[in-house]
Each structure stands twice: as C-alpha cells, then as structure tokens.
Amino acid sequence: MAGITGAHKAKGMESPVFESGDDTWAPSGAAFAGESDFYVGGLAGEELMRFDVETDDMDVVLETDDDNLYVLTNNTDGRGNPEDLDDMLLILPVE
C-alpha cells in the first residue's frame, strides 16, 4: 500500500491538515475544543500545541521546560461518584 509522509503530495492521496515537519512531537493525545481549535499534547517537545483548523495557525499553549511535575486527576469518566474537584491539573515542584 502506497502512502505519503508529512507535507508530501501524491496523486490520489490526501495530504495531512497539519504535520510536525522534520521534528517529531510524539503525540500523546488530541482533542477538539470549540469550533476550530485542535489541541495536541507532545511528549517529545513536552508541550501542548493548539492548531486552528480554519486559519492553519499553530501555537504552543503550554511548555513544560521547568522543574515541575504535572499530574492530571480524573474521576468524571462515568464511573464512580465524581465530585466538583475531581478533575484537576496539579503542578508539583520537583526538588
């Protein structure tokens, strides 16, 4: 099966809407928010990026180039008995 990588083009193939170029992000997750914002978490770059599907603009929303540990808690996935403060982003300083 033939394919293309990144921004390459080939007859009968669809190029990706956006891609990482020569670098890899090592994406760990992605989600849409609102009408046009597509968020991608990158393990390799330790950052959260936002891609606007209407304008093709991409920017870094959060970089984790500090000495903190980021922990995401969740209990509102439909199981258990979730409470108001169950989904939190905790930022813990690492010593």
C-alpha atoms as a PDB file:
ATOM      1  CA  MET A   1       0.000   0.000   0.000  1.00  0.00           C
ATOM      2  CA  ALA A   2       1.457   3.352  -1.053  1.00  0.00           C
ATOM      3  CA  GLY A   3       1.427   6.302   1.285  1.00  0.00           C
ATOM      4  CA  ILE A   4       2.827   9.756   1.871  1.00  0.00           C
ATOM      5  CA  THR A   5       4.589  11.284   4.838  1.00  0.00           C
ATOM      6  CA  GLY A   6       4.285  14.817   6.169  1.00  0.00           C
ATOM      7  CA  ALA A   7       3.667  17.548   3.592  1.00  0.00           C
ATOM      8  CA  HIS A   8       4.449  15.327   0.592  1.00  0.00           C
ATOM      9  CA  LYS A   9       1.920  15.159  -2.209  1.00  0.00           C
ATOM     10  CA  ALA A  10       0.958  12.280  -4.483  1.00  0.00           C
ATOM     11  CA  LYS A  11      -1.815  11.716  -6.998  1.00  0.00           C
ATOM     12  CA  GLY A  12      -4.854  10.170  -5.306  1.00  0.00           C
ATOM     13  CA  MET A  13      -3.541  10.931  -1.794  1.00  0.00           C
ATOM     14  CA  GLU A  14      -4.742  13.468   0.764  1.00  0.00           C
ATOM     15  CA  SER A  15      -2.016  15.479   2.494  1.00  0.00           C
ATOM     16  CA  PRO A  16      -2.407  15.907   6.268  1.00  0.00           C
ATOM     17  CA  VAL A  17      -4.124  19.040   7.552  1.00  0.00           C
ATOM     18  CA  PHE A  18      -1.035  19.722   9.669  1.00  0.00           C
ATOM     19  CA  GLU A  19       2.156  17.842  10.497  1.00  0.00           C
ATOM     20  CA  SER A  20       5.348  18.185  12.506  1.00  0.00           C
ATOM     21  CA  GLY A  21       7.784  18.770   9.679  1.00  0.00           C
ATOM     22  CA  ASP A  22      11.285  17.373  10.265  1.00  0.00           C
ATOM     23  CA  ASP A  23      10.736  17.058  14.033  1.00  0.00           C
ATOM     24  CA  THR A  24       8.524  14.632  15.873  1.00  0.00           C
ATOM     25  CA  TRP A  25       6.123  15.676  18.606  1.00  0.00           C
ATOM     26  CA  ALA A  26       5.476  12.130  19.813  1.00  0.00           C
ATOM     27  CA  PRO A  27       1.787  12.998  20.231  1.00  0.00           C
ATOM     28  CA  SER A  28       0.204  11.563  23.345  1.00  0.00           C
ATOM     29  CA  GLY A  29      -3.327  12.791  22.838  1.00  0.00           C
ATOM     30  CA  ALA A  30      -5.507  15.189  20.914  1.00  0.00           C
ATOM     31  CA  ALA A  31      -8.876  16.886  21.343  1.00  0.00           C
ATOM     32  CA  PHE A  32     -11.106  19.453  19.679  1.00  0.00           C
ATOM     33  CA  ALA A  33     -12.364  22.452  21.665  1.00  0.00           C
ATOM     34  CA  GLY A  34     -14.901  24.900  20.323  1.00  0.00           C
ATOM     35  CA  GLU A  35     -15.427  25.364  16.600  1.00  0.00           C
ATOM     36  CA  SER A  36     -11.863  25.337  15.296  1.00  0.00           C
ATOM     37  CA  ASP A  37      -9.251  24.633  17.981  1.00  0.00           C
ATOM     38  CA  PHE A  38      -7.488  21.264  17.833  1.00  0.00           C
ATOM     39  CA  TYR A  39      -5.106  20.571  20.721  1.00  0.00           C
ATOM     40  CA  VAL A  40      -2.205  18.106  20.573  1.00  0.00           C
ATOM     41  CA  GLY A  41      -0.046  17.057  23.514  1.00  0.00           C
ATOM     42  CA  GLY A  42       3.542  16.314  22.533  1.00  0.00           C
ATOM     43  CA  LEU A  43       5.740  14.073  24.661  1.00  0.00           C
ATOM     44  CA  ALA A  44       8.972  14.812  22.752  1.00  0.00           C
ATOM     45  CA  GLY A  45       8.611  18.582  22.954  1.00  0.00           C
ATOM     46  CA  GLU A  46       6.958  18.477  26.381  1.00  0.00           C
ATOM     47  CA  GLU A  47       4.328  20.950  25.246  1.00  0.00           C
ATOM     48  CA  LEU A  48       0.681  21.440  24.398  1.00  0.00           C
ATOM     49  CA  MET A  49       0.014  22.866  20.946  1.00  0.00           C
ATOM     50  CA  ARG A  50      -3.148  24.438  19.530  1.00  0.00           C
ATOM     51  CA  PHE A  51      -3.923  24.219  15.815  1.00  0.00           C
ATOM     52  CA  ASP A  52      -6.684  26.431  14.366  1.00  0.00           C
ATOM     53  CA  VAL A  53      -8.276  24.382  11.566  1.00  0.00           C
ATOM     54  CA  GLU A  54      -9.814  27.489   9.974  1.00  0.00           C
ATOM     55  CA  THR A  55      -6.653  29.624   9.741  1.00  0.00           C
ATOM     56  CA  ASP A  56      -3.958  26.876   9.766  1.00  0.00           C
ATOM     57  CA  ASP A  57      -2.211  28.727  12.625  1.00  0.00           C
ATOM     58  CA  MET A  58      -0.350  26.696  15.234  1.00  0.00           C
ATOM     59  CA  ASP A  59       0.962  27.945  18.557  1.00  0.00           C
ATOM     60  CA  VAL A  60       2.382  26.481  21.744  1.00  0.00           C
ATOM     61  CA  VAL A  61      -0.067  26.859  24.641  1.00  0.00           C
ATOM     62  CA  LEU A  62       1.996  25.251  27.416  1.00  0.00           C
ATOM     63  CA  GLU A  63       5.659  24.261  27.685  1.00  0.00           C
ATOM     64  CA  THR A  64       6.918  22.049  30.484  1.00  0.00           C
ATOM     65  CA  ASP A  65      10.565  23.046  30.406  1.00  0.00           C
ATOM     66  CA  ASP A  66      10.685  23.716  34.117  1.00  0.00           C
ATOM     67  CA  ASP A  67      11.347  21.613  37.200  1.00  0.00           C
ATOM     68  CA  ASN A  68       7.700  20.800  37.898  1.00  0.00           C
ATOM     69  CA  LEU A  69       5.768  17.559  37.732  1.00  0.00           C
ATOM     70  CA  TYR A  70       2.340  17.836  36.091  1.00  0.00           C
ATOM     71  CA  VAL A  71      -0.356  15.416  37.259  1.00  0.00           C
ATOM     72  CA  LEU A  72      -3.851  15.154  35.820  1.00  0.00           C
ATOM     73  CA  THR A  73      -6.519  13.581  38.009  1.00  0.00           C
ATOM     74  CA  ASN A  74      -9.898  12.449  36.785  1.00  0.00           C
ATOM     75  CA  ASN A  75     -12.961  10.782  38.174  1.00  0.00           C
ATOM     76  CA  THR A  76     -15.627  12.174  35.839  1.00  0.00           C
ATOM     77  CA  ASP A  77     -15.416   9.474  33.200  1.00  0.00           C
ATOM     78  CA  GLY A  78     -18.817   7.981  34.014  1.00  0.00           C
ATOM     79  CA  ARG A  79     -17.569   5.554  36.631  1.00  0.00           C
ATOM     80  CA  GLY A  80     -17.552   6.047  40.376  1.00  0.00           C
ATOM     81  CA  ASN A  81     -19.101   9.024  42.159  1.00  0.00           C
ATOM     82  CA  PRO A  82     -17.487  12.187  40.776  1.00  0.00           C
ATOM     83  CA  GLU A  83     -17.395  15.394  42.784  1.00  0.00           C
ATOM     84  CA  ASP A  84     -16.760  19.019  41.750  1.00  0.00           C
ATOM     85  CA  LEU A  85     -12.972  18.990  42.263  1.00  0.00           C
ATOM     86  CA  ASP A  86     -12.232  15.509  40.899  1.00  0.00           C
ATOM     87  CA  ASP A  87     -10.719  16.635  37.562  1.00  0.00           C
ATOM     88  CA  MET A  88      -7.675  18.763  38.313  1.00  0.00           C
ATOM     89  CA  LEU A  89      -4.305  19.674  36.867  1.00  0.00           C
ATOM     90  CA  LEU A  90      -1.793  19.605  39.711  1.00  0.00           C
ATOM     91  CA  ILE A  91       1.595  21.303  39.352  1.00  0.00           C
ATOM     92  CA  LEU A  92       4.079  19.889  41.831  1.00  0.00           C
ATOM     93  CA  PRO A  93       7.588  21.327  42.293  1.00  0.00           C
ATOM     94  CA  VAL A  94      10.307  18.696  41.987  1.00  0.00           C
ATOM     95  CA  GLU A  95      13.230  19.068  44.385  1.00  0.00           C
END
